[in-house]
Amino acid sequence: MKKLLTLLALAAAPVQADIAEVVEGYILPGYMAFAETTAEFGAIAAESCELPVLRNAWNDSFDAWLAISPIQFGPVELQGRALAIAFWPDERGTGARVLASLRADQDPIIFEPGGAARLSAAARGFFALEYLLFDEAFIPTSSYDCALIAALGDDLAQQAAAVLEAWQGGFAETLQTAGAEGNLTFLSAREAQQALFTALLVAIEFNADTRLGRPMGTFERPRPLRAESRRAGRSLRNVALSLEGAAQLARRLTTVETPNTTAAFAHAQALIADLDDPDFAGVATPQGRFKLEALQQAIRSIRDAILLEIGPSLGVVAGFNASDGD
């Protein structure tokens, strides 16, 4: 379940967030890389249906998305863009059903201007493309299939470009001028800090509880087929890149030294480097499960360190967590 964090201000705590550094050093370069790699994928898909070439370009673009994916507020929230970019988990398998229907009917919607944008979010973005590029049941066998990949690639590129344009066209300034007269989005600098701090914690928790938690299931019933991006064999890679993005955000968010947070990130990344289980299939074995449990605990330790070091430096703490129970 998605983490919903309420942040409580601590009036006596110092304010030491470097919002400008986050925006200029992490957010804008991250969205620029995402837009560039996604545009490249879209251009390739428009000209070629060669799977090796498409897969490489798709992986490059997905890498760029994961690096900036901890930022889940602002322009990426508008018009359901985050879901259209990366709809996962897809609990009901909606994406596969819609894609199968499109292919069976040779639905002309994909040839219409903006047609792909009218599809279900589950049938758009990285995970719809993963089916078409990596799943044996969906591998392209016709010109229609190639056109479908091209339409989804173009749609994804447009989403990435729109998010970047919105950040460059005003939202970066809005975040950096939090509390200024006329800023109705962030009424104080503290609100901007809270948004960034929340984004950081949610990214950490999503890795531990969802990217790892879903395939882990229970000891009696592991669920390796629930792993994110298992078809492309990059479940572990997704965790690694998301954590690298979160580490970048954490380093830039506060001006104080955070040795425990730095060490916690390094420990998790070391475990990832030693884990030879790209799609988490190993969770079905006791030894494999033990390794994923160790990684999950290491990621949760990152969250603990952030709460102890970065939170107080910003004057915020995590309050009630809606996923902790009823």
C-alpha atoms as a PDB file:
ATOM      1  CA  MET A   1       0.000   0.000   0.000  1.00  0.00           C
ATOM      2  CA  LYS A   2       1.240   3.425  -0.831  1.00  0.00           C
ATOM      3  CA  LYS A   3       2.787   5.277   2.112  1.00  0.00           C
ATOM      4  CA  LEU A   4       0.963   8.398   3.214  1.00  0.00           C
ATOM      5  CA  LEU A   5       3.125  10.483   5.497  1.00  0.00           C
ATOM      6  CA  THR A   6       1.953  13.426   7.563  1.00  0.00           C
ATOM      7  CA  LEU A   7       4.821  15.724   8.523  1.00  0.00           C
ATOM      8  CA  LEU A   8       4.711  17.683  11.727  1.00  0.00           C
ATOM      9  CA  ALA A   9       6.762  20.892  12.025  1.00  0.00           C
ATOM     10  CA  LEU A  10       9.119  21.291  14.964  1.00  0.00           C
ATOM     11  CA  ALA A  11       9.179  25.018  15.662  1.00  0.00           C
ATOM     12  CA  ALA A  12      12.477  25.025  17.527  1.00  0.00           C
ATOM     13  CA  ALA A  13      14.422  23.040  14.941  1.00  0.00           C
ATOM     14  CA  PRO A  14      16.842  24.777  12.569  1.00  0.00           C
ATOM     15  CA  VAL A  15      15.907  25.164   8.918  1.00  0.00           C
ATOM     16  CA  GLN A  16      18.765  23.801   6.841  1.00  0.00           C
ATOM     17  CA  ALA A  17      17.279  22.535   3.592  1.00  0.00           C
ATOM     18  CA  ASP A  18      19.162  23.414   0.429  1.00  0.00           C
ATOM     19  CA  ILE A  19      16.196  23.519  -1.932  1.00  0.00           C
ATOM     20  CA  ALA A  20      18.135  25.251  -4.695  1.00  0.00           C
ATOM     21  CA  GLU A  21      20.752  22.496  -4.625  1.00  0.00           C
ATOM     22  CA  VAL A  22      18.046  19.839  -4.855  1.00  0.00           C
ATOM     23  CA  VAL A  23      16.394  21.557  -7.808  1.00  0.00           C
ATOM     24  CA  GLU A  24      19.498  22.530  -9.761  1.00  0.00           C
ATOM     25  CA  GLY A  25      21.675  19.546  -8.867  1.00  0.00           C
ATOM     26  CA  TYR A  26      19.163  16.717  -8.884  1.00  0.00           C
ATOM     27  CA  ILE A  27      15.639  17.421 -10.125  1.00  0.00           C
ATOM     28  CA  LEU A  28      16.280  19.395 -13.309  1.00  0.00           C
ATOM     29  CA  PRO A  29      19.201  17.233 -14.535  1.00  0.00           C
ATOM     30  CA  GLY A  30      17.189  14.127 -13.676  1.00  0.00           C
ATOM     31  CA  TYR A  31      14.121  15.142 -15.631  1.00  0.00           C
ATOM     32  CA  MET A  32      16.307  16.326 -18.489  1.00  0.00           C
ATOM     33  CA  ALA A  33      17.971  12.910 -18.737  1.00  0.00           C
ATOM     34  CA  PHE A  34      14.563  11.243 -18.556  1.00  0.00           C
ATOM     35  CA  ALA A  35      13.171  13.413 -21.345  1.00  0.00           C
ATOM     36  CA  GLU A  36      16.241  12.942 -23.554  1.00  0.00           C
ATOM     37  CA  THR A  37      16.412   9.152 -23.244  1.00  0.00           C
ATOM     38  CA  THR A  38      12.667   8.780 -23.673  1.00  0.00           C
ATOM     39  CA  ALA A  39      12.707  10.975 -26.780  1.00  0.00           C
ATOM     40  CA  GLU A  40      15.477   8.775 -28.135  1.00  0.00           C
ATOM     41  CA  PHE A  41      13.426   5.650 -27.496  1.00  0.00           C
ATOM     42  CA  GLY A  42      10.419   7.215 -29.195  1.00  0.00           C
ATOM     43  CA  ALA A  43      12.494   8.155 -32.227  1.00  0.00           C
ATOM     44  CA  ILE A  44      13.931   4.653 -32.519  1.00  0.00           C
ATOM     45  CA  ALA A  45      10.496   3.047 -32.147  1.00  0.00           C
ATOM     46  CA  ALA A  46       9.158   5.243 -34.929  1.00  0.00           C
ATOM     47  CA  GLU A  47      11.793   3.927 -37.325  1.00  0.00           C
ATOM     48  CA  SER A  48      12.628   0.400 -36.205  1.00  0.00           C
ATOM     49  CA  CYS A  49      11.003  -2.699 -34.760  1.00  0.00           C
ATOM     50  CA  GLU A  50      14.247  -4.509 -34.007  1.00  0.00           C
ATOM     51  CA  LEU A  51      13.898  -5.857 -30.494  1.00  0.00           C
ATOM     52  CA  PRO A  52      17.562  -5.643 -29.391  1.00  0.00           C
ATOM     53  CA  VAL A  53      17.712  -1.962 -30.339  1.00  0.00           C
ATOM     54  CA  LEU A  54      14.349  -1.180 -28.769  1.00  0.00           C
ATOM     55  CA  ARG A  55      15.174  -3.051 -25.588  1.00  0.00           C
ATOM     56  CA  ASN A  56      18.439  -1.179 -25.114  1.00  0.00           C
ATOM     57  CA  ALA A  57      16.754   2.182 -25.618  1.00  0.00           C
ATOM     58  CA  TRP A  58      13.868   1.218 -23.328  1.00  0.00           C
ATOM     59  CA  ASN A  59      16.310   0.182 -20.600  1.00  0.00           C
ATOM     60  CA  ASP A  60      18.211   3.464 -20.908  1.00  0.00           C
ATOM     61  CA  SER A  61      15.016   5.454 -20.575  1.00  0.00           C
ATOM     62  CA  PHE A  62      13.753   3.358 -17.653  1.00  0.00           C
ATOM     63  CA  ASP A  63      17.115   3.859 -15.921  1.00  0.00           C
ATOM     64  CA  ALA A  64      16.687   7.627 -16.227  1.00  0.00           C
ATOM     65  CA  TRP A  65      13.128   7.476 -14.897  1.00  0.00           C
ATOM     66  CA  LEU A  66      14.112   5.454 -11.841  1.00  0.00           C
ATOM     67  CA  ALA A  67      16.880   7.901 -10.995  1.00  0.00           C
ATOM     68  CA  ILE A  68      14.373  10.765 -10.733  1.00  0.00           C
ATOM     69  CA  SER A  69      11.348   8.709  -9.650  1.00  0.00           C
ATOM     70  CA  PRO A  70      11.677   9.682  -5.955  1.00  0.00           C
ATOM     71  CA  ILE A  71      10.196  13.052  -6.988  1.00  0.00           C
ATOM     72  CA  GLN A  72       6.512  12.150  -7.106  1.00  0.00           C
ATOM     73  CA  PHE A  73       5.025  15.606  -6.610  1.00  0.00           C
ATOM     74  CA  GLY A  74       4.588  18.654  -8.813  1.00  0.00           C
ATOM     75  CA  PRO A  75       4.162  18.347 -12.603  1.00  0.00           C
ATOM     76  CA  VAL A  76       4.465  14.556 -12.592  1.00  0.00           C
ATOM     77  CA  GLU A  77       1.267  14.407 -10.532  1.00  0.00           C
ATOM     78  CA  LEU A  78      -0.781  16.397 -13.029  1.00  0.00           C
ATOM     79  CA  GLN A  79      -3.122  14.623 -15.457  1.00  0.00           C
ATOM     80  CA  GLY A  80      -2.136  11.238 -14.048  1.00  0.00           C
ATOM     81  CA  ARG A  81       1.328  11.457 -15.611  1.00  0.00           C
ATOM     82  CA  ALA A  82       3.081   9.309 -13.020  1.00  0.00           C
ATOM     83  CA  LEU A  83       0.649   6.463 -13.637  1.00  0.00           C
ATOM     84  CA  ALA A  84       0.865   6.881 -17.405  1.00  0.00           C
ATOM     85  CA  ILE A  85       4.645   6.644 -17.133  1.00  0.00           C
ATOM     86  CA  ALA A  86       4.927   3.724 -14.724  1.00  0.00           C
ATOM     87  CA  PHE A  87       1.715   1.913 -13.794  1.00  0.00           C
ATOM     88  CA  TRP A  88       2.867  -0.649 -11.255  1.00  0.00           C
ATOM     89  CA  PRO A  89       1.782  -2.670  -9.438  1.00  0.00           C
ATOM     90  CA  ASP A  90      -1.018  -3.609 -11.806  1.00  0.00           C
ATOM     91  CA  GLU A  91      -2.965  -5.736  -9.348  1.00  0.00           C
ATOM     92  CA  ARG A  92      -5.634  -6.834 -11.821  1.00  0.00           C
ATOM     93  CA  GLY A  93      -3.510  -7.306 -14.906  1.00  0.00           C
ATOM     94  CA  THR A  94      -5.371  -4.519 -16.681  1.00  0.00           C
ATOM     95  CA  GLY A  95      -2.440  -3.583 -18.891  1.00  0.00           C
ATOM     96  CA  ALA A  96      -2.054  -7.060 -20.350  1.00  0.00           C
ATOM     97  CA  ARG A  97      -5.779  -7.344 -21.067  1.00  0.00           C
ATOM     98  CA  VAL A  98      -5.976  -3.968 -22.805  1.00  0.00           C
ATOM     99  CA  LEU A  99      -2.883  -4.673 -24.895  1.00  0.00           C
ATOM    100  CA  ALA A 100      -4.217  -8.085 -25.890  1.00  0.00           C
ATOM    101  CA  SER A 101      -7.509  -6.508 -26.916  1.00  0.00           C
ATOM    102  CA  LEU A 102      -5.802  -3.793 -28.951  1.00  0.00           C
ATOM    103  CA  ARG A 103      -3.758  -6.361 -30.841  1.00  0.00           C
ATOM    104  CA  ALA A 104      -6.650  -8.752 -31.382  1.00  0.00           C
ATOM    105  CA  ASP A 105      -8.920  -6.013 -32.746  1.00  0.00           C
ATOM    106  CA  GLN A 106      -6.164  -4.118 -34.548  1.00  0.00           C
ATOM    107  CA  ASP A 107      -7.702  -1.105 -32.855  1.00  0.00           C
ATOM    108  CA  PRO A 108      -7.043   2.016 -34.984  1.00  0.00           C
ATOM    109  CA  ILE A 109      -6.960   4.275 -31.909  1.00  0.00           C
ATOM    110  CA  ILE A 110      -3.158   4.097 -31.911  1.00  0.00           C
ATOM    111  CA  PHE A 111      -3.034   5.757 -35.324  1.00  0.00           C
ATOM    112  CA  GLU A 112      -5.105   8.737 -34.187  1.00  0.00           C
ATOM    113  CA  PRO A 113      -3.361  11.899 -32.934  1.00  0.00           C
ATOM    114  CA  GLY A 114      -3.156  11.543 -29.168  1.00  0.00           C
ATOM    115  CA  GLY A 115      -4.816   8.141 -29.392  1.00  0.00           C
ATOM    116  CA  ALA A 116      -2.381   6.404 -27.053  1.00  0.00           C
ATOM    117  CA  ALA A 117      -3.050   9.054 -24.414  1.00  0.00           C
ATOM    118  CA  ARG A 118      -6.689   7.927 -24.325  1.00  0.00           C
ATOM    119  CA  LEU A 119      -5.770   4.386 -23.363  1.00  0.00           C
ATOM    120  CA  SER A 120      -5.912   3.123 -19.798  1.00  0.00           C
ATOM    121  CA  ALA A 121      -2.844   4.181 -17.820  1.00  0.00           C
ATOM    122  CA  ALA A 122      -2.092   0.489 -17.334  1.00  0.00           C
ATOM    123  CA  ALA A 123      -1.688   0.105 -21.107  1.00  0.00           C
ATOM    124  CA  ARG A 124       0.750   3.005 -21.413  1.00  0.00           C
ATOM    125  CA  GLY A 125       4.287   3.738 -20.306  1.00  0.00           C
ATOM    126  CA  PHE A 126       7.185   1.524 -19.328  1.00  0.00           C
ATOM    127  CA  PHE A 127       5.258  -1.504 -18.178  1.00  0.00           C
ATOM    128  CA  ALA A 128       3.013  -1.733 -21.224  1.00  0.00           C
ATOM    129  CA  LEU A 129       6.139  -1.515 -23.354  1.00  0.00           C
ATOM    130  CA  GLU A 130       7.798  -4.174 -21.221  1.00  0.00           C
ATOM    131  CA  TYR A 131       5.062  -6.614 -22.228  1.00  0.00           C
ATOM    132  CA  LEU A 132       5.536  -5.790 -25.894  1.00  0.00           C
ATOM    133  CA  LEU A 133       9.315  -5.972 -25.808  1.00  0.00           C
ATOM    134  CA  PHE A 134       9.977  -8.863 -23.420  1.00  0.00           C
ATOM    135  CA  ASP A 135       6.908 -11.080 -22.889  1.00  0.00           C
ATOM    136  CA  GLU A 136       6.744 -14.010 -25.310  1.00  0.00           C
ATOM    137  CA  ALA A 137       2.963 -13.677 -25.510  1.00  0.00           C
ATOM    138  CA  PHE A 138       3.251 -10.076 -26.709  1.00  0.00           C
ATOM    139  CA  ILE A 139       6.430  -9.994 -28.806  1.00  0.00           C
ATOM    140  CA  PRO A 140       5.609  -8.127 -32.056  1.00  0.00           C
ATOM    141  CA  THR A 141       4.550 -10.340 -34.943  1.00  0.00           C
ATOM    142  CA  SER A 142       2.844  -7.810 -37.205  1.00  0.00           C
ATOM    143  CA  SER A 143       3.110  -4.260 -38.487  1.00  0.00           C
ATOM    144  CA  TYR A 144       0.313  -3.343 -36.099  1.00  0.00           C
ATOM    145  CA  ASP A 145       2.384  -4.512 -33.134  1.00  0.00           C
ATOM    146  CA  CYS A 146       5.281  -2.355 -34.274  1.00  0.00           C
ATOM    147  CA  ALA A 147       2.939   0.604 -34.702  1.00  0.00           C
ATOM    148  CA  LEU A 148       1.621   0.014 -31.187  1.00  0.00           C
ATOM    149  CA  ILE A 149       5.158   0.134 -29.766  1.00  0.00           C
ATOM    150  CA  ALA A 150       5.813   3.331 -31.710  1.00  0.00           C
ATOM    151  CA  ALA A 151       2.599   4.939 -30.458  1.00  0.00           C
ATOM    152  CA  LEU A 152       3.359   4.064 -26.849  1.00  0.00           C
ATOM    153  CA  GLY A 153       6.942   5.260 -27.248  1.00  0.00           C
ATOM    154  CA  ASP A 154       5.770   8.595 -28.609  1.00  0.00           C
ATOM    155  CA  ASP A 155       3.218   8.918 -25.817  1.00  0.00           C
ATOM    156  CA  LEU A 156       5.874   8.225 -23.191  1.00  0.00           C
ATOM    157  CA  ALA A 157       8.218  10.769 -24.759  1.00  0.00           C
ATOM    158  CA  GLN A 158       5.472  13.389 -24.696  1.00  0.00           C
ATOM    159  CA  GLN A 159       4.800  12.724 -21.024  1.00  0.00           C
ATOM    160  CA  ALA A 160       8.488  13.114 -20.172  1.00  0.00           C
ATOM    161  CA  ALA A 161       8.769  16.310 -22.223  1.00  0.00           C
ATOM    162  CA  ALA A 162       5.692  17.792 -20.557  1.00  0.00           C
ATOM    163  CA  VAL A 163       7.061  17.150 -17.067  1.00  0.00           C
ATOM    164  CA  LEU A 164      10.440  18.682 -17.928  1.00  0.00           C
ATOM    165  CA  GLU A 165       8.817  21.692 -19.571  1.00  0.00           C
ATOM    166  CA  ALA A 166       6.663  22.313 -16.504  1.00  0.00           C
ATOM    167  CA  TRP A 167       9.665  22.205 -14.185  1.00  0.00           C
ATOM    168  CA  GLN A 168      11.738  24.463 -16.419  1.00  0.00           C
ATOM    169  CA  GLY A 169       8.800  26.715 -17.154  1.00  0.00           C
ATOM    170  CA  GLY A 170       7.933  27.656 -13.617  1.00  0.00           C
ATOM    171  CA  PHE A 171       7.682  24.872 -11.071  1.00  0.00           C
ATOM    172  CA  ALA A 172      11.420  24.914 -10.299  1.00  0.00           C
ATOM    173  CA  GLU A 173      11.094  28.585  -9.405  1.00  0.00           C
ATOM    174  CA  THR A 174       7.914  27.909  -7.445  1.00  0.00           C
ATOM    175  CA  LEU A 175       9.691  25.343  -5.286  1.00  0.00           C
ATOM    176  CA  GLN A 176      12.733  27.555  -4.767  1.00  0.00           C
ATOM    177  CA  THR A 177      10.662  30.617  -3.854  1.00  0.00           C
ATOM    178  CA  ALA A 178       8.503  28.839  -1.315  1.00  0.00           C
ATOM    179  CA  GLY A 179       7.020  31.339   1.114  1.00  0.00           C
ATOM    180  CA  ALA A 180       7.469  34.308  -1.193  1.00  0.00           C
ATOM    181  CA  GLU A 181       4.607  36.681  -1.773  1.00  0.00           C
ATOM    182  CA  GLY A 182       2.287  35.315  -4.422  1.00  0.00           C
ATOM    183  CA  ASN A 183       3.496  31.710  -4.114  1.00  0.00           C
ATOM    184  CA  LEU A 184       0.227  29.874  -3.557  1.00  0.00           C
ATOM    185  CA  THR A 185       1.703  26.391  -3.978  1.00  0.00           C
ATOM    186  CA  PHE A 186       4.207  26.505  -1.114  1.00  0.00           C
ATOM    187  CA  LEU A 187       3.113  29.058   1.464  1.00  0.00           C
ATOM    188  CA  SER A 188       6.347  28.677   3.439  1.00  0.00           C
ATOM    189  CA  ALA A 189       9.831  27.282   3.029  1.00  0.00           C
ATOM    190  CA  ARG A 190       8.842  24.595   5.522  1.00  0.00           C
ATOM    191  CA  GLU A 191       6.169  23.308   3.122  1.00  0.00           C
ATOM    192  CA  ALA A 192       8.750  22.865   0.370  1.00  0.00           C
ATOM    193  CA  GLN A 193      11.059  21.051   2.768  1.00  0.00           C
ATOM    194  CA  GLN A 194       8.236  18.787   3.838  1.00  0.00           C
ATOM    195  CA  ALA A 195       7.371  17.928   0.248  1.00  0.00           C
ATOM    196  CA  LEU A 196      10.961  16.914  -0.483  1.00  0.00           C
ATOM    197  CA  PHE A 197      11.385  15.051   2.797  1.00  0.00           C
ATOM    198  CA  THR A 198       8.149  13.150   2.226  1.00  0.00           C
ATOM    199  CA  ALA A 199       9.225  12.246  -1.301  1.00  0.00           C
ATOM    200  CA  LEU A 200      12.496  10.880   0.047  1.00  0.00           C
ATOM    201  CA  LEU A 201      10.838   8.714   2.688  1.00  0.00           C
ATOM    202  CA  VAL A 202       8.152   7.415   0.336  1.00  0.00           C
ATOM    203  CA  ALA A 203      10.814   6.382  -2.193  1.00  0.00           C
ATOM    204  CA  ILE A 204      12.682   4.413   0.472  1.00  0.00           C
ATOM    205  CA  GLU A 205       9.536   2.750   1.747  1.00  0.00           C
ATOM    206  CA  PHE A 206       8.308   1.850  -1.734  1.00  0.00           C
ATOM    207  CA  ASN A 207      11.502  -0.085  -2.342  1.00  0.00           C
ATOM    208  CA  ALA A 208      11.311  -1.995   0.935  1.00  0.00           C
ATOM    209  CA  ASP A 209       7.585  -2.630   1.113  1.00  0.00           C
ATOM    210  CA  THR A 210       6.545  -2.921  -2.526  1.00  0.00           C
ATOM    211  CA  ARG A 211       9.487  -3.599  -4.835  1.00  0.00           C
ATOM    212  CA  LEU A 212      10.802  -6.182  -2.364  1.00  0.00           C
ATOM    213  CA  GLY A 213       7.715  -6.911  -0.283  1.00  0.00           C
ATOM    214  CA  ARG A 214       5.469  -7.996  -3.151  1.00  0.00           C
ATOM    215  CA  PRO A 215       7.710 -10.741  -4.570  1.00  0.00           C
ATOM    216  CA  MET A 216       8.758 -11.827  -1.091  1.00  0.00           C
ATOM    217  CA  GLY A 217       5.181 -12.569  -0.059  1.00  0.00           C
ATOM    218  CA  THR A 218       5.425 -14.850   2.958  1.00  0.00           C
ATOM    219  CA  PHE A 219       7.899 -17.586   3.820  1.00  0.00           C
ATOM    220  CA  GLU A 220       5.233 -20.194   3.089  1.00  0.00           C
ATOM    221  CA  ARG A 221       4.107 -18.486  -0.097  1.00  0.00           C
ATOM    222  CA  PRO A 222       6.752 -16.427  -1.897  1.00  0.00           C
ATOM    223  CA  ARG A 223       5.518 -14.526  -4.977  1.00  0.00           C
ATOM    224  CA  PRO A 224       8.453 -14.127  -7.399  1.00  0.00           C
ATOM    225  CA  LEU A 225       6.082 -13.519 -10.330  1.00  0.00           C
ATOM    226  CA  ARG A 226       5.010 -10.294  -8.649  1.00  0.00           C
ATOM    227  CA  ALA A 227       8.451  -8.742  -8.997  1.00  0.00           C
ATOM    228  CA  GLU A 228       8.606  -5.418 -10.795  1.00  0.00           C
ATOM    229  CA  SER A 229      10.090  -5.650 -14.306  1.00  0.00           C
ATOM    230  CA  ARG A 230      10.749  -9.386 -13.982  1.00  0.00           C
ATOM    231  CA  ARG A 231      10.032  -9.885 -17.696  1.00  0.00           C
ATOM    232  CA  ALA A 232      12.942  -7.615 -18.520  1.00  0.00           C
ATOM    233  CA  GLY A 233      15.074  -9.198 -15.799  1.00  0.00           C
ATOM    234  CA  ARG A 234      15.689  -5.900 -14.023  1.00  0.00           C
ATOM    235  CA  SER A 235      13.841  -6.137 -10.712  1.00  0.00           C
ATOM    236  CA  LEU A 236      17.030  -5.702  -8.688  1.00  0.00           C
ATOM    237  CA  ARG A 237      18.296  -3.009 -11.043  1.00  0.00           C
ATOM    238  CA  ASN A 238      15.141  -0.995 -10.389  1.00  0.00           C
ATOM    239  CA  VAL A 239      15.780  -1.067  -6.651  1.00  0.00           C
ATOM    240  CA  ALA A 240      19.426  -0.099  -7.125  1.00  0.00           C
ATOM    241  CA  LEU A 241      18.683   2.876  -9.379  1.00  0.00           C
ATOM    242  CA  SER A 242      15.808   4.135  -7.266  1.00  0.00           C
ATOM    243  CA  LEU A 243      18.024   4.036  -4.182  1.00  0.00           C
ATOM    244  CA  GLU A 244      20.775   5.870  -6.041  1.00  0.00           C
ATOM    245  CA  GLY A 245      18.274   8.594  -6.887  1.00  0.00           C
ATOM    246  CA  ALA A 246      17.091   8.749  -3.285  1.00  0.00           C
ATOM    247  CA  ALA A 247      20.698   8.971  -2.107  1.00  0.00           C
ATOM    248  CA  GLN A 248      21.258  11.939  -4.413  1.00  0.00           C
ATOM    249  CA  LEU A 249      18.176  13.636  -3.030  1.00  0.00           C
ATOM    250  CA  ALA A 250      19.248  12.957   0.558  1.00  0.00           C
ATOM    251  CA  ARG A 251      22.756  14.350  -0.002  1.00  0.00           C
ATOM    252  CA  ARG A 252      21.425  17.596  -1.423  1.00  0.00           C
ATOM    253  CA  LEU A 253      18.465  18.078   0.873  1.00  0.00           C
ATOM    254  CA  THR A 254      20.298  19.114   4.019  1.00  0.00           C
ATOM    255  CA  THR A 255      23.408  21.154   4.703  1.00  0.00           C
ATOM    256  CA  VAL A 256      24.436  19.110   7.753  1.00  0.00           C
ATOM    257  CA  GLU A 257      26.589  16.010   7.798  1.00  0.00           C
ATOM    258  CA  THR A 258      24.600  12.763   7.770  1.00  0.00           C
ATOM    259  CA  PRO A 259      27.090   9.928   8.358  1.00  0.00           C
ATOM    260  CA  ASN A 260      24.485   7.366   9.454  1.00  0.00           C
ATOM    261  CA  THR A 261      22.326   7.984   6.417  1.00  0.00           C
ATOM    262  CA  THR A 262      25.338   7.800   4.113  1.00  0.00           C
ATOM    263  CA  ALA A 263      26.463   4.544   5.730  1.00  0.00           C
ATOM    264  CA  ALA A 264      22.966   3.059   5.512  1.00  0.00           C
ATOM    265  CA  PHE A 265      22.748   3.781   1.783  1.00  0.00           C
ATOM    266  CA  ALA A 266      26.226   2.324   1.258  1.00  0.00           C
ATOM    267  CA  HIS A 267      25.306  -0.849   3.134  1.00  0.00           C
ATOM    268  CA  ALA A 268      22.172  -1.429   1.066  1.00  0.00           C
ATOM    269  CA  GLN A 269      24.065  -0.751  -2.154  1.00  0.00           C
ATOM    270  CA  ALA A 270      26.775  -3.223  -1.121  1.00  0.00           C
ATOM    271  CA  LEU A 271      24.146  -5.912  -0.541  1.00  0.00           C
ATOM    272  CA  ILE A 272      22.684  -5.189  -3.976  1.00  0.00           C
ATOM    273  CA  ALA A 273      26.108  -5.505  -5.594  1.00  0.00           C
ATOM    274  CA  ASP A 274      26.561  -8.945  -4.029  1.00  0.00           C
ATOM    275  CA  LEU A 275      23.056 -10.172  -4.870  1.00  0.00           C
ATOM    276  CA  ASP A 276      22.952 -12.282  -8.028  1.00  0.00           C
ATOM    277  CA  ASP A 277      19.190 -12.351  -8.406  1.00  0.00           C
ATOM    278  CA  PRO A 278      18.131  -9.930 -11.158  1.00  0.00           C
ATOM    279  CA  ASP A 279      14.442 -10.858 -11.202  1.00  0.00           C
ATOM    280  CA  PHE A 280      14.056 -11.990  -7.555  1.00  0.00           C
ATOM    281  CA  ALA A 281      13.338 -15.563  -8.601  1.00  0.00           C
ATOM    282  CA  GLY A 282      15.619 -16.629  -5.746  1.00  0.00           C
ATOM    283  CA  VAL A 283      12.986 -15.630  -3.202  1.00  0.00           C
ATOM    284  CA  ALA A 284      11.440 -19.061  -3.764  1.00  0.00           C
ATOM    285  CA  THR A 285      14.450 -20.630  -1.983  1.00  0.00           C
ATOM    286  CA  PRO A 286      15.296 -20.214   1.719  1.00  0.00           C
ATOM    287  CA  GLN A 287      18.756 -18.838   0.945  1.00  0.00           C
ATOM    288  CA  GLY A 288      17.424 -16.428  -1.654  1.00  0.00           C
ATOM    289  CA  ARG A 289      14.704 -15.225   0.680  1.00  0.00           C
ATOM    290  CA  PHE A 290      17.241 -14.630   3.437  1.00  0.00           C
ATOM    291  CA  LYS A 291      19.251 -12.369   1.130  1.00  0.00           C
ATOM    292  CA  LEU A 292      16.195 -10.347   0.144  1.00  0.00           C
ATOM    293  CA  GLU A 293      15.140 -10.041   3.775  1.00  0.00           C
ATOM    294  CA  ALA A 294      18.602  -8.688   4.599  1.00  0.00           C
ATOM    295  CA  LEU A 295      18.302  -6.150   1.801  1.00  0.00           C
ATOM    296  CA  GLN A 296      14.800  -5.170   2.876  1.00  0.00           C
ATOM    297  CA  GLN A 297      16.013  -4.572   6.421  1.00  0.00           C
ATOM    298  CA  ALA A 298      18.966  -2.555   5.146  1.00  0.00           C
ATOM    299  CA  ILE A 299      16.616  -0.320   3.155  1.00  0.00           C
ATOM    300  CA  ARG A 300      14.399   0.166   6.197  1.00  0.00           C
ATOM    301  CA  SER A 301      17.511   1.160   8.120  1.00  0.00           C
ATOM    302  CA  ILE A 302      18.026   3.942   5.572  1.00  0.00           C
ATOM    303  CA  ARG A 303      14.613   5.292   6.514  1.00  0.00           C
ATOM    304  CA  ASP A 304      15.486   5.138  10.218  1.00  0.00           C
ATOM    305  CA  ALA A 305      18.718   7.032   9.621  1.00  0.00           C
ATOM    306  CA  ILE A 306      16.927   9.695   7.565  1.00  0.00           C
ATOM    307  CA  LEU A 307      14.397  10.210  10.352  1.00  0.00           C
ATOM    308  CA  LEU A 308      17.154  10.578  12.937  1.00  0.00           C
ATOM    309  CA  GLU A 309      19.505  12.813  10.937  1.00  0.00           C
ATOM    310  CA  ILE A 310      17.812  14.629   8.076  1.00  0.00           C
ATOM    311  CA  GLY A 311      14.412  15.110   9.699  1.00  0.00           C
ATOM    312  CA  PRO A 312      15.709  17.061  12.717  1.00  0.00           C
ATOM    313  CA  SER A 313      17.971  19.175  10.506  1.00  0.00           C
ATOM    314  CA  LEU A 314      14.906  20.278   8.536  1.00  0.00           C
ATOM    315  CA  GLY A 315      12.608  20.552  11.515  1.00  0.00           C
ATOM    316  CA  VAL A 316      10.213  17.841  10.370  1.00  0.00           C
ATOM    317  CA  VAL A 317       9.369  14.320  11.515  1.00  0.00           C
ATOM    318  CA  ALA A 318       7.238  11.545  10.079  1.00  0.00           C
ATOM    319  CA  GLY A 319       3.848  11.356  11.703  1.00  0.00           C
ATOM    320  CA  PHE A 320       1.072   8.791  11.323  1.00  0.00           C
ATOM    321  CA  ASN A 321       1.688   6.313   8.566  1.00  0.00           C
ATOM    322  CA  ALA A 322      -1.575   5.201   6.994  1.00  0.00           C
ATOM    323  CA  SER A 323      -0.173   1.843   5.929  1.00  0.00           C
ATOM    324  CA  ASP A 324       0.832   0.849   9.439  1.00  0.00           C
ATOM    325  CA  GLY A 325      -2.624  -0.550  10.059  1.00  0.00           C
ATOM    326  CA  ASP A 326      -6.238   0.365  10.704  1.00  0.00           C
END
